Amino acid sequence: MSHRSAGENQSILQRIEIDTRSGLIESVEDLDVRSSNADLSLSDEHWIFPGFIDIHVHAREDVSSSQSYKEDFESAGRAAIHGGVTAFVDMPNNPRPPVDDASYAAKRELTGNCPVDVLLYAGIGPRTRPLSFPVPYKAYMGPSIGDLFFQSESSLRETLARYRGHRVSFHAEDPEILEQHRGAPVHWDRRPAIAESTAVKTAIELSKSFSIVPNICHLSTAAGMEHIREARKQGLEVTCEVTPHHLYYDQGNASNFSIPDFLQCNPPIRSRLDRIALLEAFRGDEIDYLATDHAPHSLEENEKGISGMPQLDTFGSFVSWLLGEGFSLRSIRLAAAERPGRFLSRFLPELHGKVQEGFVGSLTILRRKPATVRRQDLKTRAGWSPFEGCRFEGHVSHTIVRGKIYPLAAD
């Protein structure tokens, strides 16, 4: 494949060779002239990135298959390819969660139907213990599906003591504060910003006590970001994610969406000041991961007020919006590919996240041509998008997964 690489100030003609048997990049070479025998040649109007990796996805499928009507690994994979996502990490809050060696292995077998690479989180709950092999863990500090959540800090502390030295991602909302605000009339008042900032501080303090490396999921508040900054100043390793919807929507502009009630999520859409603070943190490379929290439900469930949005289909389109807003190619590459690639590489046998010899040969290619997100183009079973109707600066033209090229019709 020949292309002009996405450099900061100039384009460089390169040829990338991918071994389709191993799925790994064999070589990356600079060229003086455009190759005439490449499987895919790209023009200057394309951006090429290491394959985008989403570390926060709810594919819904587990051994019970009770929620596969919402999404399964196969349909999530098709949505991922449509959005330029070449690998994702699936969350454990299933009706039958992966919490030990056997249940984790059983769920992992289901991922074979997915056309992109998948890593699974193992769940942490009040009675769980670490698995016998390295995996990432997820702790829900507030209510979630099934039994994978904590109702008090003391219960969380008792459990985390068994996970000393592991990497744990936290859904950071304080359960006691959520309980106090349960009767508020509006969703974002039922889950106020202080619930997140308090939980972020607690997660950091507990992680320090037990030598845990914490990742704060779907950060949504300026106050939460301040707690992370303070922890980093103290020398603690703390990472964080931000979602497209928390960067794009706030309580002032959410009404611009055609069905505002469908934007209900946990944590909720926040204030304009919170959104601006997250955008500036992203611009300053303080946000480690762009992660969607892809949470598909049926249209009927969304109409009844369930929380969660599908976003795998629009990952690449949203990246083009960030580029149009002046975010650097470097910042995008770090948050959408390189850092999540390092996350995967801690637990999987191959290297991810760079266009470099020996790394997995997965690439995301965006075309610099404005396109509107349309419901009829989506691949997710959810059947809608929080960005439908939005016209972004570009779109995914090709997704390459381990050397297999998926050209998208929109190109």
Foldseek 3Di string as FASTA:
>chain_A
DWEFEQDFPDTFIWDWDFDLVVLFTADIGTDPDHDPPDPDYDDPLKYKFFQFEFAAAAQQDFPVRPACLQHHQALLLVLLFLARHQEYEHEFLYQQGAQEDVRLVRRVVRNVNHPHHYAYAHAFALPGADYPAAHEYEAEDADDHHGRYDQALVSVLVRCLRVFQHEYEYLQFHHVQLVVLVPPPDLCSSRDPVRRLVRLLSVLVSCVVRVYAYEYEADQFLSSLVSVVVSVVVVHRYAYEHELCSLPDAPVCLVVFPDSLLQAAVVHHHHPVSNVSVLVCLLVLRHQAHHHNADGDAPVVSVVRDHHFHPSSNNNLSVLQNVVVPRGPVSCLRHGFQSVQVVVVVRDVAGTRHSRGRHRNKMWMKGQDKDAADLVQGSRSNSDGSRHRPIGRIGTQWIAHSNRIDGDPVD
